[in-house]
Amino acid sequence: MKHDPIASGKRKSVNLSIDSGVVEAAREAGINLSKISEAALRNATKVERDRRWREENREWAESVNRWVEEHGLPLEKYRLF
């Protein structure tokens, strides 16, 4: 089982405003609104956290890439592929 860094394991009731046509169609399709909403929020949170990490660490990543371009991989001579 994969570790979910944002899950608490606890449930919390919240109020959401969702287009009534969407809700009706989802219910007709047998879709669990809570589970699908949670999955979408989890995914959106991960995407945003990843975007922020890349933005916050862009200078570091660029400097590492420049160093490797200039000096090569540190243990290149030991690679078997």
PDB file of N, CA and C in Angstrom:
ATOM      1  N   MET A   1       0.834  -1.177   0.000  1.00  0.00           N
ATOM      2  CA  MET A   1       0.000   0.000   0.000  1.00  0.00           C
ATOM      3  C   MET A   1       0.885   1.249   0.000  1.00  0.00           C
ATOM      4  N   LYS A   2       0.563   2.186  -0.876  1.00  0.00           N
ATOM      5  CA  LYS A   2       1.337   3.420  -0.949  1.00  0.00           C
ATOM      6  C   LYS A   2       0.945   4.365   0.185  1.00  0.00           C
ATOM      7  N   HIS A   3       1.928   5.067   0.684  1.00  0.00           N
ATOM      8  CA  HIS A   3       1.695   6.066   1.719  1.00  0.00           C
ATOM      9  C   HIS A   3       1.101   7.320   1.079  1.00  0.00           C
ATOM     10  N   ASP A   4       0.046   7.824   1.659  1.00  0.00           N
ATOM     11  CA  ASP A   4      -0.578   9.054   1.181  1.00  0.00           C
ATOM     12  C   ASP A   4      -0.210  10.170   2.156  1.00  0.00           C
ATOM     13  N   PRO A   5       0.681  11.083   1.743  1.00  0.00           N
ATOM     14  CA  PRO A   5       1.180  12.095   2.680  1.00  0.00           C
ATOM     15  C   PRO A   5       0.136  13.109   3.136  1.00  0.00           C
ATOM     16  N   ILE A   6      -1.011  13.202   2.466  1.00  0.00           N
ATOM     17  CA  ILE A   6      -2.000  14.189   2.896  1.00  0.00           C
ATOM     18  C   ILE A   6      -3.198  13.562   3.608  1.00  0.00           C
ATOM     19  N   ALA A   7      -3.322  12.246   3.574  1.00  0.00           N
ATOM     20  CA  ALA A   7      -4.465  11.589   4.210  1.00  0.00           C
ATOM     21  C   ALA A   7      -4.279  11.521   5.723  1.00  0.00           C
ATOM     22  N   SER A   8      -5.360  11.782   6.436  1.00  0.00           N
ATOM     23  CA  SER A   8      -5.314  11.680   7.894  1.00  0.00           C
ATOM     24  C   SER A   8      -5.976  10.399   8.377  1.00  0.00           C
ATOM     25  N   GLY A   9      -6.766   9.782   7.524  1.00  0.00           N
ATOM     26  CA  GLY A   9      -7.506   8.601   7.926  1.00  0.00           C
ATOM     27  C   GLY A   9      -8.835   8.945   8.591  1.00  0.00           C
ATOM     28  N   LYS A  10      -9.078  10.209   8.816  1.00  0.00           N
ATOM     29  CA  LYS A  10     -10.323  10.660   9.434  1.00  0.00           C
ATOM     30  C   LYS A  10     -11.221  11.263   8.359  1.00  0.00           C
ATOM     31  N   ARG A  11     -12.510  11.206   8.562  1.00  0.00           N
ATOM     32  CA  ARG A  11     -13.476  11.774   7.626  1.00  0.00           C
ATOM     33  C   ARG A  11     -14.010  13.076   8.202  1.00  0.00           C
ATOM     34  N   LYS A  12     -14.319  14.045   7.326  1.00  0.00           N
ATOM     35  CA  LYS A  12     -14.881  15.319   7.747  1.00  0.00           C
ATOM     36  C   LYS A  12     -15.985  15.692   6.770  1.00  0.00           C
ATOM     37  N   SER A  13     -17.140  16.026   7.290  1.00  0.00           N
ATOM     38  CA  SER A  13     -18.244  16.483   6.458  1.00  0.00           C
ATOM     39  C   SER A  13     -17.979  17.924   6.038  1.00  0.00           C
ATOM     40  N   VAL A  14     -18.189  18.205   4.767  1.00  0.00           N
ATOM     41  CA  VAL A  14     -18.036  19.566   4.243  1.00  0.00           C
ATOM     42  C   VAL A  14     -19.213  19.867   3.318  1.00  0.00           C
ATOM     43  N   ASN A  15     -19.455  21.125   3.093  1.00  0.00           N
ATOM     44  CA  ASN A  15     -20.495  21.539   2.158  1.00  0.00           C
ATOM     45  C   ASN A  15     -19.840  21.948   0.855  1.00  0.00           C
ATOM     46  N   LEU A  16     -20.371  21.438  -0.249  1.00  0.00           N
ATOM     47  CA  LEU A  16     -19.887  21.794  -1.575  1.00  0.00           C
ATOM     48  C   LEU A  16     -21.068  22.248  -2.422  1.00  0.00           C
ATOM     49  N   SER A  17     -20.839  23.179  -3.310  1.00  0.00           N
ATOM     50  CA  SER A  17     -21.855  23.573  -4.271  1.00  0.00           C
ATOM     51  C   SER A  17     -21.446  23.001  -5.618  1.00  0.00           C
ATOM     52  N   ILE A  18     -22.262  22.079  -6.110  1.00  0.00           N
ATOM     53  CA  ILE A  18     -21.973  21.411  -7.379  1.00  0.00           C
ATOM     54  C   ILE A  18     -23.205  21.541  -8.255  1.00  0.00           C
ATOM     55  N   ASP A  19     -22.996  21.787  -9.515  1.00  0.00           N
ATOM     56  CA  ASP A  19     -24.094  21.904 -10.469  1.00  0.00           C
ATOM     57  C   ASP A  19     -25.043  20.719 -10.322  1.00  0.00           C
ATOM     58  N   SER A  20     -26.343  21.011 -10.190  1.00  0.00           N
ATOM     59  CA  SER A  20     -27.323  19.951  -9.931  1.00  0.00           C
ATOM     60  C   SER A  20     -27.395  18.925 -11.058  1.00  0.00           C
ATOM     61  N   GLY A  21     -27.157  19.337 -12.291  1.00  0.00           N
ATOM     62  CA  GLY A  21     -27.141  18.391 -13.407  1.00  0.00           C
ATOM     63  C   GLY A  21     -25.989  17.408 -13.287  1.00  0.00           C
ATOM     64  N   VAL A  22     -24.851  17.891 -12.829  1.00  0.00           N
ATOM     65  CA  VAL A  22     -23.687  17.033 -12.634  1.00  0.00           C
ATOM     66  C   VAL A  22     -23.967  16.030 -11.520  1.00  0.00           C
ATOM     67  N   VAL A  23     -24.562  16.503 -10.443  1.00  0.00           N
ATOM     68  CA  VAL A  23     -24.881  15.627  -9.310  1.00  0.00           C
ATOM     69  C   VAL A  23     -25.865  14.550  -9.751  1.00  0.00           C
ATOM     70  N   GLU A  24     -26.903  14.944 -10.461  1.00  0.00           N
ATOM     71  CA  GLU A  24     -27.905  13.980 -10.916  1.00  0.00           C
ATOM     72  C   GLU A  24     -27.290  12.937 -11.850  1.00  0.00           C
ATOM     73  N   ALA A  25     -26.468  13.372 -12.784  1.00  0.00           N
ATOM     74  CA  ALA A  25     -25.839  12.444 -13.719  1.00  0.00           C
ATOM     75  C   ALA A  25     -24.901  11.487 -12.990  1.00  0.00           C
ATOM     76  N   ALA A  26     -24.165  11.995 -12.021  1.00  0.00           N
ATOM     77  CA  ALA A  26     -23.243  11.153 -11.257  1.00  0.00           C
ATOM     78  C   ALA A  26     -24.022  10.104 -10.460  1.00  0.00           C
ATOM     79  N   ARG A  27     -25.098  10.521  -9.846  1.00  0.00           N
ATOM     80  CA  ARG A  27     -25.908   9.568  -9.073  1.00  0.00           C
ATOM     81  C   ARG A  27     -26.521   8.508  -9.976  1.00  0.00           C
ATOM     82  N   GLU A  28     -27.010   8.922 -11.146  1.00  0.00           N
ATOM     83  CA  GLU A  28     -27.576   7.963 -12.099  1.00  0.00           C
ATOM     84  C   GLU A  28     -26.530   6.953 -12.554  1.00  0.00           C
ATOM     85  N   ALA A  29     -25.279   7.408 -12.631  1.00  0.00           N
ATOM     86  CA  ALA A  29     -24.187   6.535 -13.060  1.00  0.00           C
ATOM     87  C   ALA A  29     -23.649   5.692 -11.904  1.00  0.00           C
ATOM     88  N   GLY A  30     -24.157   5.921 -10.702  1.00  0.00           N
ATOM     89  CA  GLY A  30     -23.700   5.157  -9.548  1.00  0.00           C
ATOM     90  C   GLY A  30     -22.357   5.603  -9.015  1.00  0.00           C
ATOM     91  N   ILE A  31     -22.002   6.835  -9.277  1.00  0.00           N
ATOM     92  CA  ILE A  31     -20.711   7.371  -8.832  1.00  0.00           C
ATOM     93  C   ILE A  31     -20.833   7.900  -7.404  1.00  0.00           C
ATOM     94  N   ASN A  32     -19.902   7.524  -6.557  1.00  0.00           N
ATOM     95  CA  ASN A  32     -19.848   7.987  -5.186  1.00  0.00           C
ATOM     96  C   ASN A  32     -19.236   9.385  -5.178  1.00  0.00           C
ATOM     97  N   LEU A  33     -20.077  10.375  -4.902  1.00  0.00           N
ATOM     98  CA  LEU A  33     -19.618  11.773  -4.963  1.00  0.00           C
ATOM     99  C   LEU A  33     -18.483  12.061  -3.992  1.00  0.00           C
ATOM    100  N   SER A  34     -18.548  11.508  -2.802  1.00  0.00           N
ATOM    101  CA  SER A  34     -17.495  11.762  -1.811  1.00  0.00           C
ATOM    102  C   SER A  34     -16.161  11.204  -2.271  1.00  0.00           C
ATOM    103  N   LYS A  35     -16.163   9.957  -2.733  1.00  0.00           N
ATOM    104  CA  LYS A  35     -14.906   9.335  -3.144  1.00  0.00           C
ATOM    105  C   LYS A  35     -14.307  10.013  -4.364  1.00  0.00           C
ATOM    106  N   ILE A  36     -15.127  10.339  -5.349  1.00  0.00           N
ATOM    107  CA  ILE A  36     -14.595  10.953  -6.565  1.00  0.00           C
ATOM    108  C   ILE A  36     -14.116  12.382  -6.279  1.00  0.00           C
ATOM    109  N   SER A  37     -14.834  13.090  -5.402  1.00  0.00           N
ATOM    110  CA  SER A  37     -14.400  14.447  -5.028  1.00  0.00           C
ATOM    111  C   SER A  37     -13.080  14.399  -4.278  1.00  0.00           C
ATOM    112  N   GLU A  38     -12.964  13.444  -3.345  1.00  0.00           N
ATOM    113  CA  GLU A  38     -11.723  13.303  -2.594  1.00  0.00           C
ATOM    114  C   GLU A  38     -10.555  12.970  -3.513  1.00  0.00           C
ATOM    115  N   ALA A  39     -10.779  12.066  -4.456  1.00  0.00           N
ATOM    116  CA  ALA A  39      -9.719  11.688  -5.396  1.00  0.00           C
ATOM    117  C   ALA A  39      -9.300  12.884  -6.243  1.00  0.00           C
ATOM    118  N   ALA A  40     -10.279  13.659  -6.701  1.00  0.00           N
ATOM    119  CA  ALA A  40      -9.957  14.837  -7.516  1.00  0.00           C
ATOM    120  C   ALA A  40      -9.191  15.877  -6.701  1.00  0.00           C
ATOM    121  N   LEU A  41      -9.603  16.091  -5.458  1.00  0.00           N
ATOM    122  CA  LEU A  41      -8.893  17.045  -4.599  1.00  0.00           C
ATOM    123  C   LEU A  41      -7.487  16.562  -4.269  1.00  0.00           C
ATOM    124  N   ARG A  42      -7.343  15.263  -4.031  1.00  0.00           N
ATOM    125  CA  ARG A  42      -6.017  14.703  -3.760  1.00  0.00           C
ATOM    126  C   ARG A  42      -5.107  14.934  -4.972  1.00  0.00           C
ATOM    127  N   ASN A  43      -5.619  14.657  -6.154  1.00  0.00           N
ATOM    128  CA  ASN A  43      -4.833  14.830  -7.371  1.00  0.00           C
ATOM    129  C   ASN A  43      -4.479  16.300  -7.594  1.00  0.00           C
ATOM    130  N   ALA A  44      -5.457  17.188  -7.445  1.00  0.00           N
ATOM    131  CA  ALA A  44      -5.194  18.613  -7.642  1.00  0.00           C
ATOM    132  C   ALA A  44      -4.167  19.133  -6.647  1.00  0.00           C
ATOM    133  N   THR A  45      -4.237  18.639  -5.410  1.00  0.00           N
ATOM    134  CA  THR A  45      -3.273  19.042  -4.383  1.00  0.00           C
ATOM    135  C   THR A  45      -1.872  18.581  -4.749  1.00  0.00           C
ATOM    136  N   LYS A  46      -1.752  17.331  -5.206  1.00  0.00           N
ATOM    137  CA  LYS A  46      -0.446  16.805  -5.604  1.00  0.00           C
ATOM    138  C   LYS A  46       0.136  17.594  -6.765  1.00  0.00           C
ATOM    139  N   VAL A  47      -0.684  17.879  -7.765  1.00  0.00           N
ATOM    140  CA  VAL A  47      -0.226  18.636  -8.928  1.00  0.00           C
ATOM    141  C   VAL A  47       0.286  20.015  -8.497  1.00  0.00           C
ATOM    142  N   GLU A  48      -0.469  20.686  -7.622  1.00  0.00           N
ATOM    143  CA  GLU A  48      -0.060  22.022  -7.171  1.00  0.00           C
ATOM    144  C   GLU A  48       1.189  21.973  -6.303  1.00  0.00           C
ATOM    145  N   ARG A  49       1.291  20.988  -5.408  1.00  0.00           N
ATOM    146  CA  ARG A  49       2.502  20.860  -4.592  1.00  0.00           C
ATOM    147  C   ARG A  49       3.726  20.594  -5.457  1.00  0.00           C
ATOM    148  N   ASP A  50       3.570  19.724  -6.450  1.00  0.00           N
ATOM    149  CA  ASP A  50       4.676  19.428  -7.365  1.00  0.00           C
ATOM    150  C   ASP A  50       5.095  20.674  -8.138  1.00  0.00           C
ATOM    151  N   ARG A  51       4.100  21.451  -8.613  1.00  0.00           N
ATOM    152  CA  ARG A  51       4.398  22.687  -9.352  1.00  0.00           C
ATOM    153  C   ARG A  51       5.167  23.666  -8.476  1.00  0.00           C
ATOM    154  N   ARG A  52       4.712  23.813  -7.239  1.00  0.00           N
ATOM    155  CA  ARG A  52       5.393  24.737  -6.312  1.00  0.00           C
ATOM    156  C   ARG A  52       6.811  24.269  -6.003  1.00  0.00           C
ATOM    157  N   TRP A  53       6.996  22.938  -5.813  1.00  0.00           N
ATOM    158  CA  TRP A  53       8.326  22.418  -5.523  1.00  0.00           C
ATOM    159  C   TRP A  53       9.266  22.710  -6.684  1.00  0.00           C
ATOM    160  N   ARG A  54       8.795  22.456  -7.911  1.00  0.00           N
ATOM    161  CA  ARG A  54       9.643  22.726  -9.082  1.00  0.00           C
ATOM    162  C   ARG A  54       9.997  24.207  -9.173  1.00  0.00           C
ATOM    163  N   GLU A  55       9.025  25.073  -8.899  1.00  0.00           N
ATOM    164  CA  GLU A  55       9.262  26.511  -8.941  1.00  0.00           C
ATOM    165  C   GLU A  55      10.264  26.934  -7.869  1.00  0.00           C
ATOM    166  N   GLU A  56      10.070  26.445  -6.645  1.00  0.00           N
ATOM    167  CA  GLU A  56      10.933  26.818  -5.530  1.00  0.00           C
ATOM    168  C   GLU A  56      12.350  26.262  -5.673  1.00  0.00           C
ATOM    169  N   ASN A  57      12.507  25.164  -6.388  1.00  0.00           N
ATOM    170  CA  ASN A  57      13.808  24.508  -6.512  1.00  0.00           C
ATOM    171  C   ASN A  57      14.408  24.601  -7.915  1.00  0.00           C
ATOM    172  N   ARG A  58      13.850  25.459  -8.751  1.00  0.00           N
ATOM    173  CA  ARG A  58      14.317  25.586 -10.133  1.00  0.00           C
ATOM    174  C   ARG A  58      15.791  25.989 -10.209  1.00  0.00           C
ATOM    175  N   GLU A  59      16.199  26.969  -9.432  1.00  0.00           N
ATOM    176  CA  GLU A  59      17.596  27.425  -9.472  1.00  0.00           C
ATOM    177  C   GLU A  59      18.547  26.299  -9.081  1.00  0.00           C
ATOM    178  N   TRP A  60      18.201  25.556  -8.035  1.00  0.00           N
ATOM    179  CA  TRP A  60      19.033  24.438  -7.600  1.00  0.00           C
ATOM    180  C   TRP A  60      19.154  23.398  -8.707  1.00  0.00           C
ATOM    181  N   ALA A  61      18.023  23.006  -9.315  1.00  0.00           N
ATOM    182  CA  ALA A  61      18.041  21.985 -10.371  1.00  0.00           C
ATOM    183  C   ALA A  61      18.862  22.459 -11.565  1.00  0.00           C
ATOM    184  N   GLU A  62      18.720  23.721 -11.928  1.00  0.00           N
ATOM    185  CA  GLU A  62      19.496  24.258 -13.046  1.00  0.00           C
ATOM    186  C   GLU A  62      20.982  24.249 -12.730  1.00  0.00           C
ATOM    187  N   SER A  63      21.356  24.563 -11.483  1.00  0.00           N
ATOM    188  CA  SER A  63      22.772  24.567 -11.122  1.00  0.00           C
ATOM    189  C   SER A  63      23.348  23.154 -11.136  1.00  0.00           C
ATOM    190  N   VAL A  64      22.581  22.171 -10.679  1.00  0.00           N
ATOM    191  CA  VAL A  64      23.036  20.780 -10.722  1.00  0.00           C
ATOM    192  C   VAL A  64      23.220  20.347 -12.171  1.00  0.00           C
ATOM    193  N   ASN A  65      22.261  20.680 -13.025  1.00  0.00           N
ATOM    194  CA  ASN A  65      22.363  20.317 -14.441  1.00  0.00           C
ATOM    195  C   ASN A  65      23.579  20.962 -15.097  1.00  0.00           C
ATOM    196  N   ARG A  66      23.854  22.223 -14.763  1.00  0.00           N
ATOM    197  CA  ARG A  66      25.046  22.889 -15.312  1.00  0.00           C
ATOM    198  C   ARG A  66      26.322  22.196 -14.852  1.00  0.00           C
ATOM    199  N   TRP A  67      26.365  21.816 -13.566  1.00  0.00           N
ATOM    200  CA  TRP A  67      27.546  21.150 -13.034  1.00  0.00           C
ATOM    201  C   TRP A  67      27.773  19.829 -13.754  1.00  0.00           C
ATOM    202  N   VAL A  68      26.713  19.043 -13.954  1.00  0.00           N
ATOM    203  CA  VAL A  68      26.840  17.756 -14.633  1.00  0.00           C
ATOM    204  C   VAL A  68      27.265  17.950 -16.078  1.00  0.00           C
ATOM    205  N   GLU A  69      26.736  18.970 -16.750  1.00  0.00           N
ATOM    206  CA  GLU A  69      27.155  19.256 -18.127  1.00  0.00           C
ATOM    207  C   GLU A  69      28.642  19.581 -18.189  1.00  0.00           C
ATOM    208  N   GLU A  70      29.122  20.316 -17.203  1.00  0.00           N
ATOM    209  CA  GLU A  70      30.516  20.735 -17.180  1.00  0.00           C
ATOM    210  C   GLU A  70      31.458  19.613 -16.740  1.00  0.00           C
ATOM    211  N   HIS A  71      31.071  18.843 -15.729  1.00  0.00           N
ATOM    212  CA  HIS A  71      31.963  17.862 -15.110  1.00  0.00           C
ATOM    213  C   HIS A  71      31.597  16.409 -15.392  1.00  0.00           C
ATOM    214  N   GLY A  72      30.396  16.166 -15.881  1.00  0.00           N
ATOM    215  CA  GLY A  72      29.933  14.794 -16.082  1.00  0.00           C
ATOM    216  C   GLY A  72      29.382  14.213 -14.794  1.00  0.00           C
ATOM    217  N   LEU A  73      28.859  12.997 -14.885  1.00  0.00           N
ATOM    218  CA  LEU A  73      28.315  12.342 -13.695  1.00  0.00           C
ATOM    219  C   LEU A  73      29.455  11.937 -12.768  1.00  0.00           C
ATOM    220  N   PRO A  74      29.282  12.139 -11.462  1.00  0.00           N
ATOM    221  CA  PRO A  74      30.366  11.882 -10.507  1.00  0.00           C
ATOM    222  C   PRO A  74      30.921  10.456 -10.532  1.00  0.00           C
ATOM    223  N   LEU A  75      30.106   9.459 -10.707  1.00  0.00           N
ATOM    224  CA  LEU A  75      30.560   8.069 -10.672  1.00  0.00           C
ATOM    225  C   LEU A  75      30.414   7.392 -12.033  1.00  0.00           C
ATOM    226  N   GLU A  76      30.521   8.150 -13.074  1.00  0.00           N
ATOM    227  CA  GLU A  76      30.323   7.651 -14.443  1.00  0.00           C
ATOM    228  C   GLU A  76      31.187   6.427 -14.743  1.00  0.00           C
ATOM    229  N   LYS A  77      32.411   6.431 -14.287  1.00  0.00           N
ATOM    230  CA  LYS A  77      33.323   5.327 -14.627  1.00  0.00           C
ATOM    231  C   LYS A  77      32.894   3.989 -14.036  1.00  0.00           C
ATOM    232  N   TYR A  78      31.988   4.006 -13.057  1.00  0.00           N
ATOM    233  CA  TYR A  78      31.532   2.772 -12.434  1.00  0.00           C
ATOM    234  C   TYR A  78      30.213   2.253 -13.004  1.00  0.00           C
ATOM    235  N   ARG A  79      29.633   2.986 -13.940  1.00  0.00           N
ATOM    236  CA  ARG A  79      28.356   2.564 -14.518  1.00  0.00           C
ATOM    237  C   ARG A  79      28.554   1.303 -15.342  1.00  0.00           C
ATOM    238  N   LEU A  80      27.603   0.393 -15.238  1.00  0.00           N
ATOM    239  CA  LEU A  80      27.668  -0.864 -15.985  1.00  0.00           C
ATOM    240  C   LEU A  80      26.787  -0.846 -17.228  1.00  0.00           C
ATOM    241  N   PHE A  81      26.175   0.252 -17.526  1.00  0.00           N
ATOM    242  CA  PHE A  81      25.307   0.355 -18.712  1.00  0.00           C
ATOM    243  C   PHE A  81      25.673   1.548 -19.541  1.00  0.00           C
TER     244      PHE A  81
END
